[in-house]
PDB file of N, CA and C in Angstrom:
ATOM      1  N   MET A   1      21.484 -12.769  17.918  1.00  0.00           N
ATOM      2  CA  MET A   1      20.070 -12.441  18.046  1.00  0.00           C
ATOM      3  C   MET A   1      19.396 -13.426  18.992  1.00  0.00           C
ATOM      4  N   LYS A   2      18.497 -12.897  19.798  1.00  0.00           N
ATOM      5  CA  LYS A   2      17.723 -13.753  20.697  1.00  0.00           C
ATOM      6  C   LYS A   2      16.683 -14.523  19.875  1.00  0.00           C
ATOM      7  N   LYS A   3      16.449 -15.742  20.215  1.00  0.00           N
ATOM      8  CA  LYS A   3      15.470 -16.558  19.530  1.00  0.00           C
ATOM      9  C   LYS A   3      14.074 -16.285  20.056  1.00  0.00           C
ATOM     10  N   GLY A   4      13.078 -16.296  19.178  1.00  0.00           N
ATOM     11  CA  GLY A   4      11.687 -16.198  19.550  1.00  0.00           C
ATOM     12  C   GLY A   4      11.153 -14.799  19.791  1.00  0.00           C
ATOM     13  N   ILE A   5      11.946 -13.752  19.616  1.00  0.00           N
ATOM     14  CA  ILE A   5      11.420 -12.402  19.854  1.00  0.00           C
ATOM     15  C   ILE A   5      11.269 -11.608  18.549  1.00  0.00           C
ATOM     16  N   HIS A   6      11.745 -12.100  17.463  1.00  0.00           N
ATOM     17  CA  HIS A   6      11.693 -11.388  16.194  1.00  0.00           C
ATOM     18  C   HIS A   6      10.539 -11.906  15.339  1.00  0.00           C
ATOM     19  N   PRO A   7       9.843 -11.009  14.617  1.00  0.00           N
ATOM     20  CA  PRO A   7       8.765 -11.475  13.721  1.00  0.00           C
ATOM     21  C   PRO A   7       9.304 -12.231  12.515  1.00  0.00           C
ATOM     22  N   GLU A   8       8.438 -13.030  11.939  1.00  0.00           N
ATOM     23  CA  GLU A   8       8.793 -13.782  10.724  1.00  0.00           C
ATOM     24  C   GLU A   8       9.052 -12.788   9.565  1.00  0.00           C
ATOM     25  N   TYR A   9      10.065 -13.100   8.770  1.00  0.00           N
ATOM     26  CA  TYR A   9      10.463 -12.230   7.646  1.00  0.00           C
ATOM     27  C   TYR A   9      10.314 -13.077   6.397  1.00  0.00           C
ATOM     28  N   ASN A  10       9.232 -12.873   5.631  1.00  0.00           N
ATOM     29  CA  ASN A  10       8.914 -13.730   4.486  1.00  0.00           C
ATOM     30  C   ASN A  10       8.704 -12.916   3.210  1.00  0.00           C
ATOM     31  N   ASP A  11       8.610 -13.627   2.092  1.00  0.00           N
ATOM     32  CA  ASP A  11       8.303 -12.994   0.803  1.00  0.00           C
ATOM     33  C   ASP A  11       6.825 -12.579   0.808  1.00  0.00           C
ATOM     34  N   VAL A  12       6.568 -11.363   0.293  1.00  0.00           N
ATOM     35  CA  VAL A  12       5.220 -10.791   0.242  1.00  0.00           C
ATOM     36  C   VAL A  12       5.082 -10.020  -1.069  1.00  0.00           C
ATOM     37  N   VAL A  13       3.893 -10.031  -1.634  1.00  0.00           N
ATOM     38  CA  VAL A  13       3.611  -9.234  -2.828  1.00  0.00           C
ATOM     39  C   VAL A  13       2.828  -8.003  -2.370  1.00  0.00           C
ATOM     40  N   PHE A  14       3.325  -6.803  -2.751  1.00  0.00           N
ATOM     41  CA  PHE A  14       2.644  -5.551  -2.509  1.00  0.00           C
ATOM     42  C   PHE A  14       1.965  -5.125  -3.802  1.00  0.00           C
ATOM     43  N   TRP A  15       0.710  -4.697  -3.699  1.00  0.00           N
ATOM     44  CA  TRP A  15      -0.065  -4.293  -4.855  1.00  0.00           C
ATOM     45  C   TRP A  15      -0.530  -2.858  -4.677  1.00  0.00           C
ATOM     46  N   ASP A  16      -0.008  -1.960  -5.536  1.00  0.00           N
ATOM     47  CA  ASP A  16      -0.414  -0.565  -5.556  1.00  0.00           C
ATOM     48  C   ASP A  16      -1.716  -0.496  -6.335  1.00  0.00           C
ATOM     49  N   THR A  17      -2.818  -0.315  -5.605  1.00  0.00           N
ATOM     50  CA  THR A  17      -4.138  -0.369  -6.236  1.00  0.00           C
ATOM     51  C   THR A  17      -4.449   0.842  -7.104  1.00  0.00           C
ATOM     52  N   SER A  18      -3.716   1.944  -6.916  1.00  0.00           N
ATOM     53  CA  SER A  18      -4.009   3.163  -7.687  1.00  0.00           C
ATOM     54  C   SER A  18      -3.503   3.044  -9.125  1.00  0.00           C
ATOM     55  N   CYS A  19      -2.472   2.228  -9.377  1.00  0.00           N
ATOM     56  CA  CYS A  19      -1.963   2.112 -10.746  1.00  0.00           C
ATOM     57  C   CYS A  19      -1.752   0.659 -11.160  1.00  0.00           C
ATOM     58  N   ASP A  20      -2.295  -0.292 -10.374  1.00  0.00           N
ATOM     59  CA  ASP A  20      -2.213  -1.718 -10.671  1.00  0.00           C
ATOM     60  C   ASP A  20      -0.766  -2.170 -10.887  1.00  0.00           C
ATOM     61  N   PHE A  21       0.099  -1.827  -9.942  1.00  0.00           N
ATOM     62  CA  PHE A  21       1.516  -2.206  -9.977  1.00  0.00           C
ATOM     63  C   PHE A  21       1.785  -3.153  -8.814  1.00  0.00           C
ATOM     64  N   LYS A  22       2.376  -4.317  -9.129  1.00  0.00           N
ATOM     65  CA  LYS A  22       2.695  -5.306  -8.101  1.00  0.00           C
ATOM     66  C   LYS A  22       4.191  -5.539  -8.051  1.00  0.00           C
ATOM     67  N   PHE A  23       4.717  -5.745  -6.840  1.00  0.00           N
ATOM     68  CA  PHE A  23       6.123  -6.108  -6.703  1.00  0.00           C
ATOM     69  C   PHE A  23       6.302  -7.071  -5.544  1.00  0.00           C
ATOM     70  N   LEU A  24       7.286  -7.951  -5.698  1.00  0.00           N
ATOM     71  CA  LEU A  24       7.599  -8.960  -4.702  1.00  0.00           C
ATOM     72  C   LEU A  24       8.799  -8.514  -3.893  1.00  0.00           C
ATOM     73  N   THR A  25       8.665  -8.578  -2.581  1.00  0.00           N
ATOM     74  CA  THR A  25       9.753  -8.180  -1.700  1.00  0.00           C
ATOM     75  C   THR A  25       9.618  -8.979  -0.411  1.00  0.00           C
ATOM     76  N   ARG A  26      10.478  -8.710   0.538  1.00  0.00           N
ATOM     77  CA  ARG A  26      10.415  -9.409   1.836  1.00  0.00           C
ATOM     78  C   ARG A  26       9.905  -8.409   2.871  1.00  0.00           C
ATOM     79  N   SER A  27       9.078  -8.909   3.800  1.00  0.00           N
ATOM     80  CA  SER A  27       8.500  -8.050   4.818  1.00  0.00           C
ATOM     81  C   SER A  27       8.066  -8.882   6.019  1.00  0.00           C
ATOM     82  N   THR A  28       7.833  -8.200   7.134  1.00  0.00           N
ATOM     83  CA  THR A  28       7.275  -8.848   8.299  1.00  0.00           C
ATOM     84  C   THR A  28       5.760  -8.821   8.286  1.00  0.00           C
ATOM     85  N   LEU A  29       5.155  -8.054   7.374  1.00  0.00           N
ATOM     86  CA  LEU A  29       3.707  -7.982   7.251  1.00  0.00           C
ATOM     87  C   LEU A  29       3.150  -9.293   6.708  1.00  0.00           C
ATOM     88  N   THR A  30       1.935  -9.616   7.130  1.00  0.00           N
ATOM     89  CA  THR A  30       1.260 -10.800   6.606  1.00  0.00           C
ATOM     90  C   THR A  30      -0.165 -10.420   6.238  1.00  0.00           C
ATOM     91  N   SER A  31      -0.823 -11.272   5.515  1.00  0.00           N
ATOM     92  CA  SER A  31      -2.180 -11.020   5.091  1.00  0.00           C
ATOM     93  C   SER A  31      -2.885 -12.345   4.854  1.00  0.00           C
ATOM     94  N   GLY A  32      -4.224 -12.321   4.999  1.00  0.00           N
ATOM     95  CA  GLY A  32      -5.015 -13.496   4.720  1.00  0.00           C
ATOM     96  C   GLY A  32      -5.209 -13.709   3.224  1.00  0.00           C
ATOM     97  N   GLU A  33      -5.073 -12.611   2.455  1.00  0.00           N
ATOM     98  CA  GLU A  33      -5.215 -12.714   1.009  1.00  0.00           C
ATOM     99  C   GLU A  33      -3.939 -13.279   0.391  1.00  0.00           C
ATOM    100  N   LYS A  34      -4.090 -14.075  -0.654  1.00  0.00           N
ATOM    101  CA  LYS A  34      -2.956 -14.667  -1.340  1.00  0.00           C
ATOM    102  C   LYS A  34      -3.048 -14.339  -2.821  1.00  0.00           C
ATOM    103  N   THR A  35      -1.897 -14.326  -3.494  1.00  0.00           N
ATOM    104  CA  THR A  35      -1.855 -14.149  -4.939  1.00  0.00           C
ATOM    105  C   THR A  35      -0.757 -15.029  -5.509  1.00  0.00           C
ATOM    106  N   THR A  36      -0.903 -15.399  -6.747  1.00  0.00           N
ATOM    107  CA  THR A  36       0.109 -16.213  -7.424  1.00  0.00           C
ATOM    108  C   THR A  36       1.033 -15.287  -8.196  1.00  0.00           C
ATOM    109  N   TRP A  37       2.339 -15.396  -7.950  1.00  0.00           N
ATOM    110  CA  TRP A  37       3.322 -14.563  -8.628  1.00  0.00           C
ATOM    111  C   TRP A  37       3.735 -15.237  -9.917  1.00  0.00           C
ATOM    112  N   THR A  38       4.561 -14.580 -10.723  1.00  0.00           N
ATOM    113  CA  THR A  38       4.973 -15.094 -12.029  1.00  0.00           C
ATOM    114  C   THR A  38       5.774 -16.384 -11.939  1.00  0.00           C
ATOM    115  N   ASP A  39       6.348 -16.673 -10.782  1.00  0.00           N
ATOM    116  CA  ASP A  39       7.116 -17.932 -10.613  1.00  0.00           C
ATOM    117  C   ASP A  39       6.219 -19.107 -10.296  1.00  0.00           C
ATOM    118  N   GLY A  40       4.892 -18.872 -10.192  1.00  0.00           N
ATOM    119  CA  GLY A  40       3.925 -19.937  -9.923  1.00  0.00           C
ATOM    120  C   GLY A  40       3.675 -20.206  -8.453  1.00  0.00           C
ATOM    121  N   LYS A  41       4.403 -19.542  -7.569  1.00  0.00           N
ATOM    122  CA  LYS A  41       4.212 -19.725  -6.128  1.00  0.00           C
ATOM    123  C   LYS A  41       3.160 -18.751  -5.618  1.00  0.00           C
ATOM    124  N   GLU A  42       2.543 -19.121  -4.485  1.00  0.00           N
ATOM    125  CA  GLU A  42       1.552 -18.275  -3.867  1.00  0.00           C
ATOM    126  C   GLU A  42       2.177 -17.485  -2.723  1.00  0.00           C
ATOM    127  N   TYR A  43       1.886 -16.174  -2.670  1.00  0.00           N
ATOM    128  CA  TYR A  43       2.455 -15.291  -1.648  1.00  0.00           C
ATOM    129  C   TYR A  43       1.326 -14.490  -1.015  1.00  0.00           C
ATOM    130  N   PRO A  44       1.501 -14.022   0.238  1.00  0.00           N
ATOM    131  CA  PRO A  44       0.540 -13.107   0.821  1.00  0.00           C
ATOM    132  C   PRO A  44       0.480 -11.800   0.041  1.00  0.00           C
ATOM    133  N   LEU A  45      -0.714 -11.200  -0.044  1.00  0.00           N
ATOM    134  CA  LEU A  45      -0.922  -9.969  -0.820  1.00  0.00           C
ATOM    135  C   LEU A  45      -1.257  -8.830   0.130  1.00  0.00           C
ATOM    136  N   ILE A  46      -0.465  -7.756   0.039  1.00  0.00           N
ATOM    137  CA  ILE A  46      -0.689  -6.541   0.824  1.00  0.00           C
ATOM    138  C   ILE A  46      -1.084  -5.428  -0.151  1.00  0.00           C
ATOM    139  N   LYS A  47      -2.272  -4.833   0.060  1.00  0.00           N
ATOM    140  CA  LYS A  47      -2.722  -3.738  -0.810  1.00  0.00           C
ATOM    141  C   LYS A  47      -2.280  -2.409  -0.230  1.00  0.00           C
ATOM    142  N   VAL A  48      -1.701  -1.558  -1.068  1.00  0.00           N
ATOM    143  CA  VAL A  48      -1.276  -0.208  -0.672  1.00  0.00           C
ATOM    144  C   VAL A  48      -1.846   0.798  -1.666  1.00  0.00           C
ATOM    145  N   GLU A  49      -1.986   2.049  -1.244  1.00  0.00           N
ATOM    146  CA  GLU A  49      -2.532   3.096  -2.102  1.00  0.00           C
ATOM    147  C   GLU A  49      -1.447   3.863  -2.837  1.00  0.00           C
ATOM    148  N   VAL A  50      -0.233   3.893  -2.293  1.00  0.00           N
ATOM    149  CA  VAL A  50       0.853   4.656  -2.908  1.00  0.00           C
ATOM    150  C   VAL A  50       2.129   3.836  -2.864  1.00  0.00           C
ATOM    151  N   SER A  51       2.831   3.788  -3.973  1.00  0.00           N
ATOM    152  CA  SER A  51       4.144   3.154  -4.045  1.00  0.00           C
ATOM    153  C   SER A  51       5.034   4.025  -4.929  1.00  0.00           C
ATOM    154  N   SER A  52       6.216   3.551  -5.225  1.00  0.00           N
ATOM    155  CA  SER A  52       7.116   4.307  -6.085  1.00  0.00           C
ATOM    156  C   SER A  52       6.550   4.441  -7.504  1.00  0.00           C
ATOM    157  N   ALA A  53       5.623   3.573  -7.881  1.00  0.00           N
ATOM    158  CA  ALA A  53       5.024   3.646  -9.217  1.00  0.00           C
ATOM    159  C   ALA A  53       3.953   4.716  -9.327  1.00  0.00           C
ATOM    160  N   SER A  54       3.417   5.166  -8.177  1.00  0.00           N
ATOM    161  CA  SER A  54       2.353   6.170  -8.264  1.00  0.00           C
ATOM    162  C   SER A  54       2.645   7.441  -7.478  1.00  0.00           C
ATOM    163  N   HIS A  55       3.695   7.476  -6.687  1.00  0.00           N
ATOM    164  CA  HIS A  55       3.992   8.663  -5.901  1.00  0.00           C
ATOM    165  C   HIS A  55       4.579   9.760  -6.789  1.00  0.00           C
ATOM    166  N   PRO A  56       4.065  10.998  -6.662  1.00  0.00           N
ATOM    167  CA  PRO A  56       4.533  12.088  -7.526  1.00  0.00           C
ATOM    168  C   PRO A  56       6.035  12.358  -7.435  1.00  0.00           C
ATOM    169  N   PHE A  57       6.657  12.126  -6.314  1.00  0.00           N
ATOM    170  CA  PHE A  57       8.083  12.371  -6.210  1.00  0.00           C
ATOM    171  C   PHE A  57       8.877  11.455  -7.158  1.00  0.00           C
ATOM    172  N   PHE A  58       8.472  10.207  -7.263  1.00  0.00           N
ATOM    173  CA  PHE A  58       9.195   9.244  -8.107  1.00  0.00           C
ATOM    174  C   PHE A  58       8.754   9.288  -9.551  1.00  0.00           C
ATOM    175  N   THR A  59       7.471   9.643  -9.816  1.00  0.00           N
ATOM    176  CA  THR A  59       6.991   9.645 -11.199  1.00  0.00           C
ATOM    177  C   THR A  59       7.163  10.974 -11.895  1.00  0.00           C
ATOM    178  N   GLY A  60       7.246  12.079 -11.116  1.00  0.00           N
ATOM    179  CA  GLY A  60       7.353  13.406 -11.708  1.00  0.00           C
ATOM    180  C   GLY A  60       6.031  13.947 -12.174  1.00  0.00           C
ATOM    181  N   LYS A  61       4.943  13.237 -11.905  1.00  0.00           N
ATOM    182  CA  LYS A  61       3.612  13.683 -12.322  1.00  0.00           C
ATOM    183  C   LYS A  61       2.829  14.087 -11.090  1.00  0.00           C
ATOM    184  N   LYS A  62       2.031  15.143 -11.268  1.00  0.00           N
ATOM    185  CA  LYS A  62       1.142  15.535 -10.172  1.00  0.00           C
ATOM    186  C   LYS A  62      -0.124  14.696 -10.285  1.00  0.00           C
ATOM    187  N   MET A  63      -0.496  14.120  -9.139  1.00  0.00           N
ATOM    188  CA  MET A  63      -1.671  13.258  -9.142  1.00  0.00           C
ATOM    189  C   MET A  63      -2.465  13.528  -7.877  1.00  0.00           C
ATOM    190  N   PHE A  64      -3.759  13.703  -7.968  1.00  0.00           N
ATOM    191  CA  PHE A  64      -4.578  13.970  -6.807  1.00  0.00           C
ATOM    192  C   PHE A  64      -5.336  12.713  -6.419  1.00  0.00           C
ATOM    193  N   LEU A  65      -5.060  12.213  -5.212  1.00  0.00           N
ATOM    194  CA  LEU A  65      -5.756  11.032  -4.711  1.00  0.00           C
ATOM    195  C   LEU A  65      -6.532  11.455  -3.443  1.00  0.00           C
ATOM    196  N   ASP A  66      -7.816  11.331  -3.484  1.00  0.00           N
ATOM    197  CA  ASP A  66      -8.615  11.631  -2.298  1.00  0.00           C
ATOM    198  C   ASP A  66      -9.465  10.414  -2.003  1.00  0.00           C
ATOM    199  N   THR A  67      -8.851   9.389  -1.477  1.00  0.00           N
ATOM    200  CA  THR A  67      -9.571   8.157  -1.244  1.00  0.00           C
ATOM    201  C   THR A  67     -10.419   8.164   0.002  1.00  0.00           C
ATOM    202  N   ALA A  68     -10.122   9.017   0.957  1.00  0.00           N
ATOM    203  CA  ALA A  68     -10.873   9.001   2.197  1.00  0.00           C
ATOM    204  C   ALA A  68     -11.789  10.213   2.351  1.00  0.00           C
ATOM    205  N   GLY A  69     -11.936  11.037   1.321  1.00  0.00           N
ATOM    206  CA  GLY A  69     -12.768  12.224   1.404  1.00  0.00           C
ATOM    207  C   GLY A  69     -12.211  13.264   2.374  1.00  0.00           C
ATOM    208  N   ARG A  70     -10.904  13.380   2.421  1.00  0.00           N
ATOM    209  CA  ARG A  70     -10.253  14.252   3.385  1.00  0.00           C
ATOM    210  C   ARG A  70     -10.614  15.722   3.162  1.00  0.00           C
ATOM    211  N   VAL A  71     -10.699  16.129   1.909  1.00  0.00           N
ATOM    212  CA  VAL A  71     -11.002  17.536   1.595  1.00  0.00           C
ATOM    213  C   VAL A  71     -12.404  17.878   2.068  1.00  0.00           C
ATOM    214  N   GLU A  72     -13.368  16.996   1.779  1.00  0.00           N
ATOM    215  CA  GLU A  72     -14.749  17.238   2.187  1.00  0.00           C
ATOM    216  C   GLU A  72     -14.860  17.266   3.710  1.00  0.00           C
ATOM    217  N   LYS A  73     -14.140  16.385   4.396  1.00  0.00           N
ATOM    218  CA  LYS A  73     -14.173  16.372   5.865  1.00  0.00           C
ATOM    219  C   LYS A  73     -13.636  17.681   6.416  1.00  0.00           C
ATOM    220  N   PHE A  74     -12.560  18.174   5.842  1.00  0.00           N
ATOM    221  CA  PHE A  74     -11.949  19.436   6.282  1.00  0.00           C
ATOM    222  C   PHE A  74     -12.908  20.589   6.066  1.00  0.00           C
ATOM    223  N   GLN A  75     -13.493  20.673   4.876  1.00  0.00           N
ATOM    224  CA  GLN A  75     -14.410  21.755   4.564  1.00  0.00           C
ATOM    225  C   GLN A  75     -15.629  21.713   5.455  1.00  0.00           C
ATOM    226  N   LYS A  76     -16.150  20.548   5.728  1.00  0.00           N
ATOM    227  CA  LYS A  76     -17.314  20.407   6.584  1.00  0.00           C
ATOM    228  C   LYS A  76     -16.993  20.827   8.024  1.00  0.00           C
ATOM    229  N   LYS A  77     -15.813  20.466   8.488  1.00  0.00           N
ATOM    230  CA  LYS A  77     -15.421  20.766   9.859  1.00  0.00           C
ATOM    231  C   LYS A  77     -15.176  22.250  10.069  1.00  0.00           C
ATOM    232  N   TYR A  78     -14.569  22.937   9.093  1.00  0.00           N
ATOM    233  CA  TYR A  78     -14.152  24.327   9.255  1.00  0.00           C
ATOM    234  C   TYR A  78     -14.962  25.337   8.447  1.00  0.00           C
ATOM    235  N   GLN A  79     -16.135  24.944   7.958  1.00  0.00           N
ATOM    236  CA  GLN A  79     -16.928  25.883   7.195  1.00  0.00           C
ATOM    237  C   GLN A  79     -17.496  26.969   8.100  1.00  0.00           C
ATOM    238  N   LYS A  80     -17.739  28.145   7.533  1.00  0.00           N
ATOM    239  CA  LYS A  80     -18.291  29.254   8.327  1.00  0.00           C
ATOM    240  C   LYS A  80     -19.750  28.955   8.661  1.00  0.00           C
ATOM    241  N   LYS A  81     -20.066  29.229   9.902  1.00  0.00           N
ATOM    242  CA  LYS A  81     -21.449  29.033  10.347  1.00  0.00           C
ATOM    243  C   LYS A  81     -22.187  30.335  10.135  1.00  0.00           C
ATOM    244  N   SER A  82     -23.368  30.261   9.508  1.00  0.00           N
ATOM    245  CA  SER A  82     -24.129  31.487   9.264  1.00  0.00           C
ATOM    246  C   SER A  82     -25.332  31.619  10.140  1.00  0.00           C
TER     247      SER A  82
END
């Protein structure tokens, strides 16, 4: 591998905000936010809306998440004009 061209690969905590599930893994992502993990060390915190703990494919449950108002945007854009 060439030196100096690859991003840093560090431990990071991902937090699924929809179901309050956190997991520690390694990633090239970084964040200004920090959190303390169960081992007492501080790690960067990355917030995500969907993970394996909340995604319907992995949980087997149907769940409707409309965090950005996508349905309302679509209806407003394509509504019939009278």
